[in-house]
């Protein structure tokens, strides 16, 4: 999945899949580093998305305060 097309929901779904794979009794040790790297990338994306959304909501609230 390209990062440009990634959504918060898709990232969370992929993270859940990675966690399930890592917790599985059939988890391949050789894939742990790959899983961890991808999970780190997804977590960074989610964190940035949350901070961006928070800033946008705060800006909207400030605009609303000006109207009252």
N, C-alpha and C. Protein backbone atom coordinates (compact mmCIF):
# COMPACT_ATOMS: atom_id res chain seq x y z
N UNK A 1 0.84 -1.17 0.00
CA UNK A 1 0.00 0.00 0.00
C UNK A 1 0.88 1.23 0.00
N UNK A 2 0.64 2.15 -0.91
CA UNK A 2 1.43 3.36 -0.97
C UNK A 2 1.05 4.28 0.18
N UNK A 3 2.04 4.98 0.73
CA UNK A 3 1.78 5.87 1.86
C UNK A 3 0.85 7.01 1.46
N UNK A 4 0.88 7.45 0.21
CA UNK A 4 0.03 8.55 -0.24
C UNK A 4 -1.45 8.17 -0.14
N UNK A 5 -1.75 6.90 -0.31
CA UNK A 5 -3.12 6.42 -0.29
C UNK A 5 -3.53 5.91 1.09
N UNK A 6 -2.62 5.89 2.02
CA UNK A 6 -2.88 5.34 3.33
C UNK A 6 -3.83 6.25 4.11
N UNK A 7 -4.81 5.64 4.76
CA UNK A 7 -5.71 6.36 5.64
C UNK A 7 -5.46 5.89 7.06
N UNK A 8 -5.96 6.65 8.01
CA UNK A 8 -5.81 6.28 9.41
C UNK A 8 -6.43 4.91 9.66
N UNK A 9 -7.63 4.70 9.13
CA UNK A 9 -8.33 3.44 9.33
C UNK A 9 -7.55 2.27 8.72
N UNK A 10 -7.03 2.46 7.52
CA UNK A 10 -6.25 1.40 6.87
C UNK A 10 -4.98 1.10 7.66
N UNK A 11 -4.35 2.15 8.18
CA UNK A 11 -3.13 1.96 8.98
C UNK A 11 -3.45 1.18 10.25
N UNK A 12 -4.55 1.52 10.90
CA UNK A 12 -4.94 0.81 12.12
C UNK A 12 -5.27 -0.65 11.82
N UNK A 13 -5.96 -0.90 10.72
CA UNK A 13 -6.27 -2.28 10.34
C UNK A 13 -5.00 -3.08 10.08
N UNK A 14 -4.05 -2.45 9.39
CA UNK A 14 -2.79 -3.14 9.11
C UNK A 14 -2.01 -3.40 10.41
N UNK A 15 -2.03 -2.43 11.32
CA UNK A 15 -1.38 -2.63 12.61
C UNK A 15 -2.00 -3.80 13.37
N UNK A 16 -3.32 -3.89 13.34
CA UNK A 16 -3.99 -5.00 14.01
C UNK A 16 -3.59 -6.34 13.39
N UNK A 17 -3.44 -6.36 12.08
CA UNK A 17 -3.00 -7.58 11.39
C UNK A 17 -1.58 -7.96 11.78
N UNK A 18 -0.73 -6.95 11.88
CA UNK A 18 0.66 -7.20 12.27
C UNK A 18 0.72 -7.75 13.69
N UNK A 19 -0.05 -7.14 14.59
CA UNK A 19 -0.07 -7.60 15.98
C UNK A 19 -0.55 -9.04 16.05
N UNK A 20 -1.62 -9.34 15.31
CA UNK A 20 -2.15 -10.71 15.30
C UNK A 20 -1.10 -11.69 14.78
N UNK A 21 -0.39 -11.30 13.74
CA UNK A 21 0.66 -12.17 13.19
C UNK A 21 1.78 -12.38 14.19
N UNK A 22 2.16 -11.32 14.89
CA UNK A 22 3.25 -11.41 15.86
C UNK A 22 2.84 -12.24 17.09
N UNK A 23 1.57 -12.20 17.45
CA UNK A 23 1.09 -12.96 18.60
C UNK A 23 0.78 -14.41 18.27
N UNK A 24 0.72 -14.72 16.99
CA UNK A 24 0.40 -16.06 16.55
C UNK A 24 1.49 -17.06 16.93
N UNK A 25 1.06 -18.26 17.24
CA UNK A 25 2.04 -19.32 17.53
C UNK A 25 2.86 -19.66 16.29
N UNK A 26 2.34 -19.33 15.12
CA UNK A 26 3.02 -19.63 13.86
C UNK A 26 3.87 -18.46 13.35
N UNK A 27 4.11 -17.46 14.20
CA UNK A 27 4.89 -16.30 13.78
C UNK A 27 6.31 -16.73 13.43
N UNK A 28 6.74 -16.26 12.28
CA UNK A 28 8.10 -16.58 11.83
C UNK A 28 9.08 -15.58 12.43
N UNK A 29 10.07 -16.08 13.12
CA UNK A 29 11.08 -15.23 13.75
C UNK A 29 11.76 -14.35 12.69
N UNK A 30 11.95 -14.88 11.50
CA UNK A 30 12.61 -14.13 10.43
C UNK A 30 11.82 -12.91 9.99
N UNK A 31 10.53 -12.87 10.30
CA UNK A 31 9.70 -11.74 9.88
C UNK A 31 9.51 -10.70 10.98
N UNK A 32 9.98 -10.97 12.19
CA UNK A 32 9.78 -10.03 13.29
C UNK A 32 10.35 -8.64 13.02
N UNK A 33 11.54 -8.57 12.47
CA UNK A 33 12.14 -7.27 12.17
C UNK A 33 11.31 -6.53 11.13
N UNK A 34 10.85 -7.25 10.12
CA UNK A 34 10.01 -6.65 9.08
C UNK A 34 8.70 -6.14 9.69
N UNK A 35 8.06 -6.96 10.52
CA UNK A 35 6.82 -6.55 11.18
C UNK A 35 7.04 -5.31 12.03
N UNK A 36 8.12 -5.31 12.78
CA UNK A 36 8.40 -4.19 13.68
C UNK A 36 8.65 -2.90 12.90
N UNK A 37 9.39 -2.99 11.83
CA UNK A 37 9.68 -1.81 11.01
C UNK A 37 8.39 -1.25 10.40
N UNK A 38 7.56 -2.13 9.87
CA UNK A 38 6.31 -1.67 9.26
C UNK A 38 5.39 -1.08 10.33
N UNK A 39 5.31 -1.71 11.48
CA UNK A 39 4.48 -1.20 12.57
C UNK A 39 4.96 0.19 13.01
N UNK A 40 6.25 0.38 13.07
CA UNK A 40 6.80 1.69 13.44
C UNK A 40 6.39 2.75 12.42
N UNK A 41 6.47 2.43 11.14
CA UNK A 41 6.06 3.36 10.09
C UNK A 41 4.58 3.70 10.23
N UNK A 42 3.76 2.68 10.46
CA UNK A 42 2.32 2.90 10.59
C UNK A 42 2.00 3.73 11.84
N UNK A 43 2.68 3.46 12.94
CA UNK A 43 2.46 4.23 14.16
C UNK A 43 2.83 5.69 13.98
N UNK A 44 3.92 5.96 13.30
CA UNK A 44 4.31 7.34 13.01
C UNK A 44 3.24 8.03 12.17
N UNK A 45 2.74 7.33 11.15
CA UNK A 45 1.68 7.87 10.30
C UNK A 45 0.44 8.20 11.12
N UNK A 46 0.03 7.28 11.99
CA UNK A 46 -1.16 7.49 12.82
C UNK A 46 -0.97 8.67 13.77
N UNK A 47 0.20 8.75 14.38
CA UNK A 47 0.48 9.85 15.30
C UNK A 47 0.41 11.19 14.57
N UNK A 48 1.02 11.27 13.39
CA UNK A 48 0.98 12.50 12.61
C UNK A 48 -0.45 12.85 12.21
N UNK A 49 -1.23 11.84 11.84
CA UNK A 49 -2.62 12.07 11.46
C UNK A 49 -3.42 12.61 12.64
N UNK A 50 -3.21 12.04 13.81
CA UNK A 50 -3.93 12.49 14.99
C UNK A 50 -3.56 13.92 15.36
N UNK A 51 -2.28 14.24 15.32
CA UNK A 51 -1.86 15.60 15.64
C UNK A 51 -2.40 16.61 14.62
N UNK A 52 -2.38 16.23 13.34
CA UNK A 52 -2.91 17.10 12.29
C UNK A 52 -4.41 17.33 12.50
N UNK A 53 -5.15 16.27 12.76
CA UNK A 53 -6.58 16.38 12.97
C UNK A 53 -6.88 17.23 14.19
N UNK A 54 -6.12 17.02 15.26
CA UNK A 54 -6.30 17.81 16.48
C UNK A 54 -6.09 19.29 16.19
N UNK A 55 -5.07 19.63 15.46
CA UNK A 55 -4.80 21.03 15.12
C UNK A 55 -5.93 21.62 14.29
N UNK A 56 -6.45 20.85 13.35
CA UNK A 56 -7.55 21.32 12.51
C UNK A 56 -8.81 21.56 13.34
N UNK A 57 -9.10 20.66 14.27
CA UNK A 57 -10.27 20.82 15.14
C UNK A 57 -10.09 22.04 16.03
N UNK A 58 -8.91 22.22 16.58
CA UNK A 58 -8.65 23.38 17.43
C UNK A 58 -8.82 24.68 16.64
N UNK A 59 -8.36 24.69 15.40
CA UNK A 59 -8.53 25.88 14.55
C UNK A 59 -10.01 26.16 14.32
N UNK A 60 -10.78 25.13 14.06
CA UNK A 60 -12.22 25.29 13.86
C UNK A 60 -12.88 25.85 15.12
N UNK A 61 -12.50 25.33 16.27
CA UNK A 61 -13.06 25.81 17.53
C UNK A 61 -12.71 27.27 17.77
N UNK A 62 -11.49 27.66 17.44
CA UNK A 62 -11.09 29.06 17.58
C UNK A 62 -11.93 29.95 16.66
N UNK A 63 -12.18 29.48 15.44
CA UNK A 63 -13.02 30.24 14.50
C UNK A 63 -14.43 30.38 15.04
N UNK A 64 -14.95 29.32 15.63
CA UNK A 64 -16.30 29.37 16.21
C UNK A 64 -16.37 30.35 17.37
N UNK A 65 -15.32 30.41 18.18
CA UNK A 65 -15.28 31.34 19.30
C UNK A 65 -15.37 32.80 18.80
N UNK A 66 -14.78 33.07 17.65
CA UNK A 66 -14.81 34.41 17.09
C UNK A 66 -16.20 34.81 16.63
N UNK A 67 -17.03 33.83 16.32
CA UNK A 67 -18.39 34.09 15.84
C UNK A 67 -19.36 34.39 16.96
N UNK A 68 -19.00 34.00 18.17
CA UNK A 68 -19.93 34.15 19.31
C UNK A 68 -19.78 35.51 19.94
